[in-house]
């Protein structure tokens, strides 16, 4: 269904429609906002992965009865 979506001619048509809809002055702002959002998302995932995991609690050892 989407096999030929990323051909150069299709990308040019999509870019032309975006320029008509948003205007040439607004496109750089939209692109930078999208890039900042993606970067923040990646940093959030990366931060979550780097947090140290706490080791599992060790089971208590049984006490020897005193004689």
C-alpha atoms as a PDB file:
ATOM      1  CA  UNK A   1       0.000   0.000   0.000  1.00  0.00           C
ATOM      2  CA  UNK A   2       2.791   2.460   0.899  1.00  0.00           C
ATOM      3  CA  UNK A   3       5.584   0.928  -1.210  1.00  0.00           C
ATOM      4  CA  UNK A   4       6.052   3.900  -3.556  1.00  0.00           C
ATOM      5  CA  UNK A   5       5.383   6.687  -1.066  1.00  0.00           C
ATOM      6  CA  UNK A   6       8.997   7.806  -0.678  1.00  0.00           C
ATOM      7  CA  UNK A   7       9.840   8.242  -4.344  1.00  0.00           C
ATOM      8  CA  UNK A   8      11.419  11.648  -5.138  1.00  0.00           C
ATOM      9  CA  UNK A   9       8.455  12.913  -7.163  1.00  0.00           C
ATOM     10  CA  UNK A  10       5.999  12.040  -4.405  1.00  0.00           C
ATOM     11  CA  UNK A  11       8.156  13.800  -1.809  1.00  0.00           C
ATOM     12  CA  UNK A  12       8.250  16.932  -3.980  1.00  0.00           C
ATOM     13  CA  UNK A  13       4.459  16.917  -4.268  1.00  0.00           C
ATOM     14  CA  UNK A  14       4.118  16.521  -0.489  1.00  0.00           C
ATOM     15  CA  UNK A  15       6.593  19.378   0.072  1.00  0.00           C
ATOM     16  CA  UNK A  16       4.703  21.617  -2.364  1.00  0.00           C
ATOM     17  CA  UNK A  17       1.416  20.921  -0.559  1.00  0.00           C
ATOM     18  CA  UNK A  18       3.072  21.670   2.797  1.00  0.00           C
ATOM     19  CA  UNK A  19       4.377  25.000   1.478  1.00  0.00           C
ATOM     20  CA  UNK A  20       0.916  25.904   0.194  1.00  0.00           C
ATOM     21  CA  UNK A  21      -0.776  24.969   3.470  1.00  0.00           C
ATOM     22  CA  UNK A  22       1.690  26.387   6.007  1.00  0.00           C
ATOM     23  CA  UNK A  23       3.593  28.979   3.997  1.00  0.00           C
ATOM     24  CA  UNK A  24       7.344  29.237   3.465  1.00  0.00           C
ATOM     25  CA  UNK A  25       7.969  31.230   6.668  1.00  0.00           C
ATOM     26  CA  UNK A  26       6.237  28.739   8.959  1.00  0.00           C
ATOM     27  CA  UNK A  27       7.904  25.541   7.640  1.00  0.00           C
ATOM     28  CA  UNK A  28      11.311  26.091   9.346  1.00  0.00           C
ATOM     29  CA  UNK A  29       9.546  26.727  12.661  1.00  0.00           C
ATOM     30  CA  UNK A  30       7.506  23.552  12.269  1.00  0.00           C
ATOM     31  CA  UNK A  31      10.610  21.551  11.367  1.00  0.00           C
ATOM     32  CA  UNK A  32      12.604  22.816  14.332  1.00  0.00           C
ATOM     33  CA  UNK A  33       9.692  22.163  16.680  1.00  0.00           C
ATOM     34  CA  UNK A  34       9.365  18.630  15.358  1.00  0.00           C
ATOM     35  CA  UNK A  35      13.116  18.053  15.734  1.00  0.00           C
ATOM     36  CA  UNK A  36      13.057  19.346  19.334  1.00  0.00           C
ATOM     37  CA  UNK A  37      10.158  17.046  20.144  1.00  0.00           C
ATOM     38  CA  UNK A  38      11.900  14.006  18.686  1.00  0.00           C
ATOM     39  CA  UNK A  39      15.132  14.902  20.507  1.00  0.00           C
ATOM     40  CA  UNK A  40      13.289  15.284  23.820  1.00  0.00           C
ATOM     41  CA  UNK A  41      11.565  11.942  23.276  1.00  0.00           C
ATOM     42  CA  UNK A  42      14.887  10.211  22.570  1.00  0.00           C
ATOM     43  CA  UNK A  43      16.477  11.808  25.636  1.00  0.00           C
ATOM     44  CA  UNK A  44      13.545  10.688  27.769  1.00  0.00           C
ATOM     45  CA  UNK A  45      13.885   7.117  26.605  1.00  0.00           C
ATOM     46  CA  UNK A  46      17.665   7.228  26.985  1.00  0.00           C
ATOM     47  CA  UNK A  47      17.389   8.640  30.518  1.00  0.00           C
ATOM     48  CA  UNK A  48      14.972   5.890  31.492  1.00  0.00           C
ATOM     49  CA  UNK A  49      17.308   3.199  30.162  1.00  0.00           C
ATOM     50  CA  UNK A  50      20.338   4.616  32.007  1.00  0.00           C
ATOM     51  CA  UNK A  51      18.742   4.660  35.439  1.00  0.00           C
ATOM     52  CA  UNK A  52      20.360   1.994  37.595  1.00  0.00           C
ATOM     53  CA  UNK A  53      18.100  -0.828  38.468  1.00  0.00           C
ATOM     54  CA  UNK A  54      17.987  -1.759  42.117  1.00  0.00           C
ATOM     55  CA  UNK A  55      19.210  -5.294  42.781  1.00  0.00           C
ATOM     56  CA  UNK A  56      16.611  -7.718  44.061  1.00  0.00           C
ATOM     57  CA  UNK A  57      16.425  -7.951  47.818  1.00  0.00           C
ATOM     58  CA  UNK A  58      18.317 -10.895  49.208  1.00  0.00           C
ATOM     59  CA  UNK A  59      16.205 -13.372  51.146  1.00  0.00           C
ATOM     60  CA  UNK A  60      16.986 -13.377  54.859  1.00  0.00           C
ATOM     61  CA  UNK A  61      19.311 -16.132  55.976  1.00  0.00           C
ATOM     62  CA  UNK A  62      17.846 -18.485  58.594  1.00  0.00           C
ATOM     63  CA  UNK A  63      19.291 -17.991  62.084  1.00  0.00           C
ATOM     64  CA  UNK A  64      21.034 -20.929  63.736  1.00  0.00           C
ATOM     65  CA  UNK A  65      19.463 -21.792  67.110  1.00  0.00           C
ATOM     66  CA  UNK A  66      21.821 -20.982  69.966  1.00  0.00           C
ATOM     67  CA  UNK A  67      22.793 -23.849  72.285  1.00  0.00           C
END
